[in-house]
Amino acid sequence: MGANHRYKFSWDLIGDIENGRPNLGFTTRLEVYRLMQFTFLEVMEKHLGAEKTDEIFYEAKYLAGQEFYHHYLGEENDFHKFSSKLQILFKEMGMGILRMETVDMEHGRFIFSLSEDLDCSGLPDVGVEIFAYDEGFIAGILHSFTGDKFKVKKVDCWCTGDRTCRFTADKE
């Protein structure tokens, strides 16, 4: 990996899950994922501040979105096949129930809803949107699919009283 880049992402880091977890397989409980996520956030915010923490998680999720697209969607060029496959993957992988609410390819505008997502479904209403880095994941996927950069914004969030997360995506 090199002395200066200790954690450069590679799909090899995911490992051979079937061989490594012959009894437990691919699943784990959501509490474990959220425990890891919230403790990362707390420690990073303590050392870097909230703004820098959000920036880093957005960048990480953007990279994750790009990697997810290339690994699982296989350079899909047809939007209908892309969106169908993406929705199926989200559900099959337990990431959430993704719906395309608005698709305007001509103007580069999308509205997505994501129910039962990994990050905030079931959390208490704290009056503020959290997990801006989901925006990064969607932006990374859209950039990989279209070749264009998108500004993705969460407009509805479970943590502000909504029961689904909703995102707008506009071509920059």
N, C-alpha and C. Protein backbone atom coordinates (compact mmCIF):
# COMPACT_ATOMS: atom_id res chain seq x y z
N MET A 1 0.81 -1.20 0.00
CA MET A 1 0.00 0.00 0.00
C MET A 1 0.85 1.26 0.00
N GLY A 2 2.09 1.17 0.34
CA GLY A 2 2.95 2.35 0.32
C GLY A 2 2.99 3.02 1.67
N ALA A 3 4.13 3.63 1.95
CA ALA A 3 4.34 4.26 3.25
C ALA A 3 3.46 5.49 3.46
N ASN A 4 3.12 6.21 2.40
CA ASN A 4 2.37 7.44 2.55
C ASN A 4 0.87 7.29 2.37
N HIS A 5 0.44 6.12 1.97
CA HIS A 5 -0.99 5.92 1.73
C HIS A 5 -1.39 4.57 2.32
N ARG A 6 -1.51 4.53 3.61
CA ARG A 6 -1.71 3.30 4.36
C ARG A 6 -3.05 2.62 4.09
N TYR A 7 -4.09 3.41 3.81
CA TYR A 7 -5.42 2.83 3.70
C TYR A 7 -6.06 3.03 2.34
N LYS A 8 -5.28 3.11 1.28
CA LYS A 8 -5.84 3.30 -0.06
C LYS A 8 -6.85 2.19 -0.34
N PHE A 9 -8.04 2.61 -0.77
CA PHE A 9 -9.11 1.64 -0.99
C PHE A 9 -8.80 0.70 -2.14
N SER A 10 -9.14 -0.55 -1.93
CA SER A 10 -9.09 -1.60 -2.95
C SER A 10 -10.18 -2.60 -2.57
N TRP A 11 -10.81 -3.19 -3.58
CA TRP A 11 -11.83 -4.20 -3.28
C TRP A 11 -11.21 -5.42 -2.62
N ASP A 12 -9.91 -5.58 -2.72
CA ASP A 12 -9.23 -6.67 -2.01
C ASP A 12 -9.38 -6.52 -0.50
N LEU A 13 -9.54 -5.28 -0.02
CA LEU A 13 -9.70 -5.05 1.41
C LEU A 13 -11.02 -5.60 1.94
N ILE A 14 -11.99 -5.80 1.05
CA ILE A 14 -13.26 -6.38 1.47
C ILE A 14 -13.04 -7.84 1.87
N GLY A 15 -12.09 -8.49 1.20
CA GLY A 15 -11.73 -9.86 1.56
C GLY A 15 -12.65 -10.90 0.95
N ASP A 16 -12.35 -12.13 1.26
CA ASP A 16 -13.15 -13.28 0.84
C ASP A 16 -14.10 -13.60 1.98
N ILE A 17 -15.26 -13.00 1.96
CA ILE A 17 -16.20 -13.12 3.07
C ILE A 17 -16.72 -14.55 3.22
N GLU A 18 -16.98 -15.23 2.12
CA GLU A 18 -17.47 -16.60 2.21
C GLU A 18 -16.45 -17.50 2.91
N ASN A 19 -15.18 -17.31 2.62
CA ASN A 19 -14.13 -18.11 3.25
C ASN A 19 -13.87 -17.65 4.69
N GLY A 20 -13.87 -16.34 4.91
CA GLY A 20 -13.55 -15.80 6.23
C GLY A 20 -14.68 -15.89 7.24
N ARG A 21 -15.91 -15.96 6.76
CA ARG A 21 -17.07 -16.02 7.65
C ARG A 21 -18.00 -17.14 7.20
N PRO A 22 -17.52 -18.39 7.23
CA PRO A 22 -18.34 -19.50 6.71
C PRO A 22 -19.63 -19.72 7.48
N ASN A 23 -19.68 -19.32 8.73
CA ASN A 23 -20.88 -19.51 9.54
C ASN A 23 -21.75 -18.26 9.63
N LEU A 24 -21.14 -17.10 9.67
CA LEU A 24 -21.88 -15.86 9.85
C LEU A 24 -22.21 -15.17 8.53
N GLY A 25 -21.43 -15.43 7.51
CA GLY A 25 -21.73 -14.89 6.17
C GLY A 25 -21.63 -13.38 6.07
N PHE A 26 -22.50 -12.83 5.22
CA PHE A 26 -22.42 -11.43 4.84
C PHE A 26 -23.18 -10.48 5.75
N THR A 27 -23.94 -10.99 6.70
CA THR A 27 -24.82 -10.12 7.47
C THR A 27 -24.25 -9.80 8.85
N THR A 28 -24.69 -8.67 9.36
CA THR A 28 -24.42 -8.26 10.73
C THR A 28 -25.61 -7.42 11.18
N ARG A 29 -25.67 -7.11 12.42
CA ARG A 29 -26.80 -6.30 12.91
C ARG A 29 -26.51 -4.82 12.70
N LEU A 30 -27.57 -4.09 12.45
CA LEU A 30 -27.47 -2.66 12.16
C LEU A 30 -26.84 -1.88 13.31
N GLU A 31 -27.07 -2.33 14.54
CA GLU A 31 -26.50 -1.64 15.69
C GLU A 31 -24.98 -1.58 15.61
N VAL A 32 -24.36 -2.64 15.10
CA VAL A 32 -22.90 -2.69 15.00
C VAL A 32 -22.41 -1.67 13.98
N TYR A 33 -23.09 -1.58 12.84
CA TYR A 33 -22.75 -0.58 11.83
C TYR A 33 -22.88 0.82 12.41
N ARG A 34 -24.01 1.10 13.05
CA ARG A 34 -24.22 2.44 13.61
C ARG A 34 -23.28 2.74 14.76
N LEU A 35 -22.95 1.74 15.56
CA LEU A 35 -21.97 1.93 16.63
C LEU A 35 -20.64 2.40 16.05
N MET A 36 -20.18 1.72 15.01
CA MET A 36 -18.93 2.10 14.37
C MET A 36 -19.04 3.52 13.81
N GLN A 37 -20.13 3.79 13.10
CA GLN A 37 -20.31 5.08 12.45
C GLN A 37 -20.36 6.23 13.45
N PHE A 38 -21.18 6.09 14.50
CA PHE A 38 -21.32 7.18 15.46
C PHE A 38 -20.07 7.39 16.30
N THR A 39 -19.34 6.32 16.60
CA THR A 39 -18.10 6.52 17.35
C THR A 39 -17.03 7.17 16.48
N PHE A 40 -16.95 6.80 15.20
CA PHE A 40 -16.06 7.51 14.27
C PHE A 40 -16.40 8.99 14.26
N LEU A 41 -17.69 9.29 14.09
CA LEU A 41 -18.12 10.68 14.02
C LEU A 41 -17.76 11.45 15.28
N GLU A 42 -18.02 10.86 16.43
CA GLU A 42 -17.73 11.55 17.69
C GLU A 42 -16.24 11.86 17.84
N VAL A 43 -15.41 10.87 17.58
CA VAL A 43 -13.96 11.06 17.73
C VAL A 43 -13.43 12.06 16.70
N MET A 44 -13.90 11.94 15.46
CA MET A 44 -13.45 12.89 14.43
C MET A 44 -13.90 14.30 14.76
N GLU A 45 -15.15 14.46 15.19
CA GLU A 45 -15.63 15.80 15.52
C GLU A 45 -14.84 16.39 16.69
N LYS A 46 -14.51 15.57 17.66
CA LYS A 46 -13.72 16.02 18.81
C LYS A 46 -12.36 16.57 18.36
N HIS A 47 -11.75 15.90 17.38
CA HIS A 47 -10.42 16.30 16.94
C HIS A 47 -10.43 17.32 15.80
N LEU A 48 -11.48 17.30 14.97
CA LEU A 48 -11.47 18.10 13.75
C LEU A 48 -12.57 19.15 13.66
N GLY A 49 -13.60 19.02 14.50
CA GLY A 49 -14.76 19.91 14.40
C GLY A 49 -15.81 19.30 13.50
N ALA A 50 -17.04 19.78 13.66
CA ALA A 50 -18.18 19.22 12.93
C ALA A 50 -18.06 19.44 11.43
N GLU A 51 -17.66 20.63 11.01
CA GLU A 51 -17.60 20.94 9.58
C GLU A 51 -16.59 20.06 8.85
N LYS A 52 -15.41 19.91 9.43
CA LYS A 52 -14.37 19.08 8.80
C LYS A 52 -14.78 17.61 8.81
N THR A 53 -15.42 17.17 9.87
CA THR A 53 -15.90 15.79 9.95
C THR A 53 -16.90 15.51 8.84
N ASP A 54 -17.87 16.41 8.66
CA ASP A 54 -18.85 16.24 7.58
C ASP A 54 -18.16 16.23 6.22
N GLU A 55 -17.18 17.10 6.05
CA GLU A 55 -16.44 17.18 4.79
C GLU A 55 -15.72 15.86 4.48
N ILE A 56 -15.07 15.29 5.49
CA ILE A 56 -14.34 14.04 5.30
C ILE A 56 -15.30 12.89 5.01
N PHE A 57 -16.40 12.81 5.75
CA PHE A 57 -17.36 11.73 5.50
C PHE A 57 -18.02 11.88 4.14
N TYR A 58 -18.28 13.12 3.71
CA TYR A 58 -18.84 13.35 2.38
C TYR A 58 -17.86 12.83 1.33
N GLU A 59 -16.60 13.20 1.48
CA GLU A 59 -15.58 12.77 0.52
C GLU A 59 -15.44 11.24 0.50
N ALA A 60 -15.48 10.63 1.68
CA ALA A 60 -15.39 9.17 1.76
C ALA A 60 -16.60 8.51 1.11
N LYS A 61 -17.78 9.04 1.35
CA LYS A 61 -18.98 8.46 0.75
C LYS A 61 -19.00 8.70 -0.76
N TYR A 62 -18.44 9.81 -1.22
CA TYR A 62 -18.35 10.09 -2.65
C TYR A 62 -17.49 9.00 -3.31
N LEU A 63 -16.34 8.72 -2.70
CA LEU A 63 -15.47 7.65 -3.19
C LEU A 63 -16.20 6.32 -3.14
N ALA A 64 -16.91 6.06 -2.05
CA ALA A 64 -17.67 4.82 -1.92
C ALA A 64 -18.73 4.71 -3.01
N GLY A 65 -19.40 5.81 -3.33
CA GLY A 65 -20.40 5.81 -4.39
C GLY A 65 -19.79 5.48 -5.74
N GLN A 66 -18.62 6.06 -6.01
CA GLN A 66 -17.93 5.76 -7.27
C GLN A 66 -17.52 4.30 -7.32
N GLU A 67 -16.94 3.80 -6.25
CA GLU A 67 -16.49 2.40 -6.19
C GLU A 67 -17.68 1.45 -6.30
N PHE A 68 -18.76 1.76 -5.61
CA PHE A 68 -19.97 0.96 -5.66
C PHE A 68 -20.48 0.87 -7.10
N TYR A 69 -20.55 2.01 -7.78
CA TYR A 69 -21.01 2.04 -9.16
C TYR A 69 -20.15 1.14 -10.05
N HIS A 70 -18.85 1.33 -9.99
CA HIS A 70 -17.95 0.57 -10.88
C HIS A 70 -17.95 -0.92 -10.57
N HIS A 71 -18.06 -1.26 -9.28
CA HIS A 71 -17.99 -2.66 -8.88
C HIS A 71 -19.31 -3.40 -9.11
N TYR A 72 -20.42 -2.76 -8.80
CA TYR A 72 -21.70 -3.46 -8.84
C TYR A 72 -22.56 -3.16 -10.07
N LEU A 73 -22.39 -2.01 -10.68
CA LEU A 73 -23.25 -1.65 -11.80
C LEU A 73 -22.57 -1.86 -13.14
N GLY A 74 -21.28 -2.09 -13.13
CA GLY A 74 -20.57 -2.50 -14.34
C GLY A 74 -20.64 -1.57 -15.52
N GLU A 75 -20.47 -0.30 -15.29
CA GLU A 75 -20.41 0.67 -16.38
C GLU A 75 -21.70 0.68 -17.20
N GLU A 76 -22.82 0.65 -16.54
CA GLU A 76 -24.12 0.67 -17.20
C GLU A 76 -24.33 2.02 -17.90
N ASN A 77 -24.82 2.01 -19.13
CA ASN A 77 -25.04 3.24 -19.89
C ASN A 77 -26.51 3.60 -20.06
N ASP A 78 -27.40 2.65 -19.93
CA ASP A 78 -28.83 2.90 -20.10
C ASP A 78 -29.43 3.30 -18.75
N PHE A 79 -30.09 4.48 -18.70
CA PHE A 79 -30.60 4.98 -17.42
C PHE A 79 -31.62 4.05 -16.80
N HIS A 80 -32.53 3.50 -17.57
CA HIS A 80 -33.57 2.64 -17.00
C HIS A 80 -32.97 1.38 -16.40
N LYS A 81 -32.00 0.79 -17.08
CA LYS A 81 -31.31 -0.39 -16.53
C LYS A 81 -30.52 0.00 -15.29
N PHE A 82 -29.83 1.14 -15.36
CA PHE A 82 -29.06 1.65 -14.22
C PHE A 82 -29.95 1.84 -13.00
N SER A 83 -31.06 2.57 -13.16
CA SER A 83 -31.91 2.87 -12.01
C SER A 83 -32.56 1.61 -11.45
N SER A 84 -32.98 0.71 -12.32
CA SER A 84 -33.58 -0.54 -11.87
C SER A 84 -32.57 -1.38 -11.08
N LYS A 85 -31.39 -1.52 -11.64
CA LYS A 85 -30.35 -2.31 -10.97
C LYS A 85 -29.94 -1.67 -9.64
N LEU A 86 -29.85 -0.34 -9.62
CA LEU A 86 -29.48 0.37 -8.39
C LEU A 86 -30.52 0.14 -7.30
N GLN A 87 -31.80 0.24 -7.65
CA GLN A 87 -32.86 0.03 -6.67
C GLN A 87 -32.85 -1.41 -6.14
N ILE A 88 -32.62 -2.36 -7.02
CA ILE A 88 -32.56 -3.76 -6.60
C ILE A 88 -31.36 -3.99 -5.67
N LEU A 89 -30.20 -3.45 -6.03
CA LEU A 89 -29.01 -3.60 -5.20
C LEU A 89 -29.21 -3.01 -3.81
N PHE A 90 -29.76 -1.81 -3.75
CA PHE A 90 -30.00 -1.18 -2.44
C PHE A 90 -30.85 -2.08 -1.56
N LYS A 91 -31.91 -2.63 -2.13
CA LYS A 91 -32.81 -3.48 -1.33
C LYS A 91 -32.15 -4.80 -0.98
N GLU A 92 -31.55 -5.48 -1.97
CA GLU A 92 -30.93 -6.78 -1.71
C GLU A 92 -29.79 -6.69 -0.70
N MET A 93 -29.06 -5.58 -0.71
CA MET A 93 -27.92 -5.42 0.19
C MET A 93 -28.33 -4.83 1.54
N GLY A 94 -29.63 -4.56 1.70
CA GLY A 94 -30.13 -4.04 2.97
C GLY A 94 -29.74 -2.59 3.22
N MET A 95 -29.45 -1.84 2.14
CA MET A 95 -29.03 -0.45 2.29
C MET A 95 -30.23 0.49 2.41
N GLY A 96 -31.38 0.05 1.97
CA GLY A 96 -32.57 0.87 2.02
C GLY A 96 -33.43 0.63 0.80
N ILE A 97 -34.58 1.25 0.81
CA ILE A 97 -35.51 1.15 -0.31
C ILE A 97 -35.43 2.46 -1.08
N LEU A 98 -34.78 2.39 -2.22
CA LEU A 98 -34.51 3.56 -3.05
C LEU A 98 -35.59 3.71 -4.10
N ARG A 99 -36.08 4.93 -4.24
CA ARG A 99 -37.06 5.23 -5.29
C ARG A 99 -36.63 6.49 -6.03
N MET A 100 -36.79 6.44 -7.34
CA MET A 100 -36.56 7.62 -8.17
C MET A 100 -37.90 8.33 -8.28
N GLU A 101 -38.02 9.48 -7.65
CA GLU A 101 -39.30 10.20 -7.67
C GLU A 101 -39.40 11.14 -8.86
N THR A 102 -38.30 11.78 -9.22
CA THR A 102 -38.26 12.68 -10.36
C THR A 102 -36.98 12.42 -11.15
N VAL A 103 -37.14 12.25 -12.44
CA VAL A 103 -35.98 12.05 -13.32
C VAL A 103 -36.14 13.02 -14.49
N ASP A 104 -35.23 13.98 -14.56
CA ASP A 104 -35.22 14.95 -15.65
C ASP A 104 -33.81 14.93 -16.24
N MET A 105 -33.59 13.99 -17.16
CA MET A 105 -32.27 13.81 -17.76
C MET A 105 -31.86 15.06 -18.55
N GLU A 106 -32.83 15.70 -19.21
CA GLU A 106 -32.52 16.87 -20.04
C GLU A 106 -31.89 18.00 -19.23
N HIS A 107 -32.41 18.25 -18.02
CA HIS A 107 -31.91 19.33 -17.18
C HIS A 107 -30.98 18.84 -16.07
N GLY A 108 -30.76 17.53 -16.02
CA GLY A 108 -29.87 16.98 -15.00
C GLY A 108 -30.39 17.17 -13.59
N ARG A 109 -31.65 16.83 -13.36
CA ARG A 109 -32.26 16.96 -12.03
C ARG A 109 -32.95 15.67 -11.65
N PHE A 110 -32.67 15.24 -10.43
CA PHE A 110 -33.26 14.02 -9.90
C PHE A 110 -33.75 14.28 -8.48
N ILE A 111 -34.78 13.57 -8.10
CA ILE A 111 -35.20 13.52 -6.70
C ILE A 111 -35.32 12.04 -6.34
N PHE A 112 -34.62 11.66 -5.28
CA PHE A 112 -34.59 10.28 -4.78
C PHE A 112 -35.19 10.25 -3.40
N SER A 113 -35.87 9.17 -3.06
CA SER A 113 -36.22 8.93 -1.66
C SER A 113 -35.55 7.63 -1.25
N LEU A 114 -35.18 7.58 0.01
CA LEU A 114 -34.52 6.41 0.56
C LEU A 114 -35.16 6.09 1.90
N SER A 115 -35.92 5.01 1.94
CA SER A 115 -36.60 4.58 3.16
C SER A 115 -35.83 3.42 3.77
N GLU A 116 -35.99 3.27 5.08
CA GLU A 116 -35.34 2.19 5.82
C GLU A 116 -33.84 2.15 5.57
N ASP A 117 -33.24 3.33 5.48
CA ASP A 117 -31.81 3.41 5.19
C ASP A 117 -30.96 2.99 6.38
N LEU A 118 -29.70 2.74 6.12
CA LEU A 118 -28.78 2.28 7.15
C LEU A 118 -28.50 3.34 8.21
N ASP A 119 -28.51 4.59 7.82
CA ASP A 119 -27.96 5.62 8.67
C ASP A 119 -28.91 6.25 9.67
N CYS A 120 -30.14 6.56 9.27
CA CYS A 120 -30.94 7.31 10.23
C CYS A 120 -32.37 6.83 10.44
N SER A 121 -32.84 5.86 9.69
CA SER A 121 -34.20 5.36 9.92
C SER A 121 -34.32 4.82 11.34
N GLY A 122 -35.30 5.33 12.05
CA GLY A 122 -35.53 4.89 13.43
C GLY A 122 -34.84 5.73 14.48
N LEU A 123 -34.01 6.69 14.08
CA LEU A 123 -33.36 7.55 15.06
C LEU A 123 -34.36 8.57 15.60
N PRO A 124 -34.08 9.15 16.75
CA PRO A 124 -35.01 10.14 17.30
C PRO A 124 -35.02 11.43 16.47
N ASP A 125 -36.13 12.14 16.56
CA ASP A 125 -36.25 13.45 15.92
C ASP A 125 -35.42 14.43 16.74
N VAL A 126 -34.28 14.85 16.17
CA VAL A 126 -33.39 15.78 16.87
C VAL A 126 -33.48 17.18 16.29
N GLY A 127 -34.34 17.36 15.30
CA GLY A 127 -34.57 18.69 14.75
C GLY A 127 -33.55 19.16 13.72
N VAL A 128 -32.54 18.36 13.44
CA VAL A 128 -31.55 18.73 12.42
C VAL A 128 -31.27 17.51 11.55
N GLU A 129 -31.00 17.79 10.27
CA GLU A 129 -30.61 16.71 9.36
C GLU A 129 -29.22 16.24 9.73
N ILE A 130 -29.03 14.95 9.68
CA ILE A 130 -27.70 14.41 9.93
C ILE A 130 -27.30 13.55 8.74
N PHE A 131 -26.05 13.19 8.71
CA PHE A 131 -25.51 12.32 7.68
C PHE A 131 -25.53 12.96 6.31
N ALA A 132 -24.94 14.14 6.22
CA ALA A 132 -24.80 14.80 4.93
C ALA A 132 -23.97 13.96 3.97
N TYR A 133 -23.23 13.00 4.51
CA TYR A 133 -22.36 12.21 3.62
C TYR A 133 -23.13 11.21 2.78
N ASP A 134 -24.39 10.94 3.07
CA ASP A 134 -25.20 10.17 2.12
C ASP A 134 -25.29 10.93 0.80
N GLU A 135 -25.26 12.25 0.91
CA GLU A 135 -25.24 13.08 -0.29
C GLU A 135 -24.02 12.74 -1.14
N GLY A 136 -22.90 12.50 -0.48
CA GLY A 136 -21.68 12.14 -1.19
C GLY A 136 -21.80 10.82 -1.92
N PHE A 137 -22.43 9.84 -1.31
CA PHE A 137 -22.60 8.52 -1.93
C PHE A 137 -23.41 8.64 -3.22
N ILE A 138 -24.52 9.36 -3.14
CA ILE A 138 -25.37 9.54 -4.31
C ILE A 138 -24.64 10.35 -5.38
N ALA A 139 -23.94 11.41 -4.96
CA ALA A 139 -23.19 12.24 -5.92
C ALA A 139 -22.12 11.42 -6.62
N GLY A 140 -21.45 10.53 -5.90
CA GLY A 140 -20.42 9.67 -6.50
C GLY A 140 -21.00 8.70 -7.51
N ILE A 141 -22.15 8.13 -7.20
CA ILE A 141 -22.82 7.21 -8.13
C ILE A 141 -23.24 7.96 -9.39
N LEU A 142 -23.88 9.12 -9.21
CA LEU A 142 -24.35 9.89 -10.37
C LEU A 142 -23.20 10.37 -11.24
N HIS A 143 -22.12 10.82 -10.61
CA HIS A 143 -20.95 11.26 -11.38
C HIS A 143 -20.39 10.09 -12.19
N SER A 144 -20.31 8.92 -11.60
CA SER A 144 -19.79 7.75 -12.30
C SER A 144 -20.70 7.35 -13.46
N PHE A 145 -22.00 7.46 -13.27
CA PHE A 145 -22.94 7.08 -14.33
C PHE A 145 -22.95 8.09 -15.47
N THR A 146 -23.01 9.38 -15.14
CA THR A 146 -23.20 10.41 -16.17
C THR A 146 -21.92 11.06 -16.65
N GLY A 147 -20.87 11.04 -15.82
CA GLY A 147 -19.66 11.79 -16.14
C GLY A 147 -19.75 13.24 -15.71
N ASP A 148 -20.90 13.66 -15.18
CA ASP A 148 -21.12 15.03 -14.72
C ASP A 148 -21.10 15.08 -13.21
N LYS A 149 -20.71 16.22 -12.67
CA LYS A 149 -20.75 16.42 -11.22
C LYS A 149 -22.15 16.90 -10.84
N PHE A 150 -22.61 16.46 -9.68
CA PHE A 150 -23.93 16.81 -9.17
C PHE A 150 -23.82 17.39 -7.77
N LYS A 151 -24.67 18.36 -7.50
CA LYS A 151 -24.83 18.85 -6.13
C LYS A 151 -26.03 18.10 -5.57
N VAL A 152 -25.79 17.29 -4.57
CA VAL A 152 -26.84 16.49 -3.95
C VAL A 152 -27.12 17.07 -2.58
N LYS A 153 -28.39 17.26 -2.28
CA LYS A 153 -28.80 17.85 -1.00
C LYS A 153 -29.91 17.02 -0.39
N LYS A 154 -29.74 16.69 0.88
CA LYS A 154 -30.81 16.01 1.61
C LYS A 154 -31.85 17.06 1.98
N VAL A 155 -33.10 16.84 1.58
CA VAL A 155 -34.15 17.82 1.84
C VAL A 155 -35.16 17.32 2.87
N ASP A 156 -35.24 16.02 3.08
CA ASP A 156 -36.08 15.42 4.13
C ASP A 156 -35.23 14.41 4.87
N CYS A 157 -35.44 14.33 6.17
CA CYS A 157 -34.62 13.42 6.99
C CYS A 157 -35.45 12.87 8.14
N TRP A 158 -35.22 11.60 8.46
CA TRP A 158 -35.90 10.96 9.58
C TRP A 158 -35.67 11.78 10.86
N CYS A 159 -34.48 12.34 11.00
CA CYS A 159 -34.10 13.06 12.23
C CYS A 159 -34.74 14.44 12.35
N THR A 160 -35.53 14.84 11.33
CA THR A 160 -36.29 16.09 11.43
C THR A 160 -37.79 15.80 11.39
N GLY A 161 -38.16 14.55 11.63
CA GLY A 161 -39.56 14.19 11.71
C GLY A 161 -40.13 13.53 10.48
N ASP A 162 -39.38 13.49 9.39
CA ASP A 162 -39.86 12.80 8.19
C ASP A 162 -39.67 11.30 8.38
N ARG A 163 -40.36 10.49 7.61
CA ARG A 163 -40.23 9.05 7.75
C ARG A 163 -39.54 8.42 6.56
N THR A 164 -38.90 9.27 5.76
CA THR A 164 -38.04 8.82 4.68
C THR A 164 -37.02 9.92 4.46
N CYS A 165 -35.89 9.56 3.90
CA CYS A 165 -34.90 10.57 3.53
C CYS A 165 -35.11 10.87 2.05
N ARG A 166 -35.03 12.14 1.71
CA ARG A 166 -35.24 12.55 0.32
C ARG A 166 -34.07 13.44 -0.08
N PHE A 167 -33.63 13.25 -1.30
CA PHE A 167 -32.48 13.98 -1.81
C PHE A 167 -32.81 14.60 -3.16
N THR A 168 -32.33 15.82 -3.38
CA THR A 168 -32.35 16.41 -4.72
C THR A 168 -30.95 16.30 -5.27
N ALA A 169 -30.85 16.12 -6.57
CA ALA A 169 -29.55 16.07 -7.24
C ALA A 169 -29.65 16.93 -8.49
N ASP A 170 -28.80 17.95 -8.56
CA ASP A 170 -28.79 18.86 -9.69
C ASP A 170 -27.41 18.90 -10.31
N LYS A 171 -27.38 18.76 -11.64
CA LYS A 171 -26.11 18.82 -12.35
C LYS A 171 -25.48 20.19 -12.14
N GLU A 172 -24.19 20.17 -11.83
CA GLU A 172 -23.48 21.45 -11.61
C GLU A 172 -23.11 22.08 -12.93
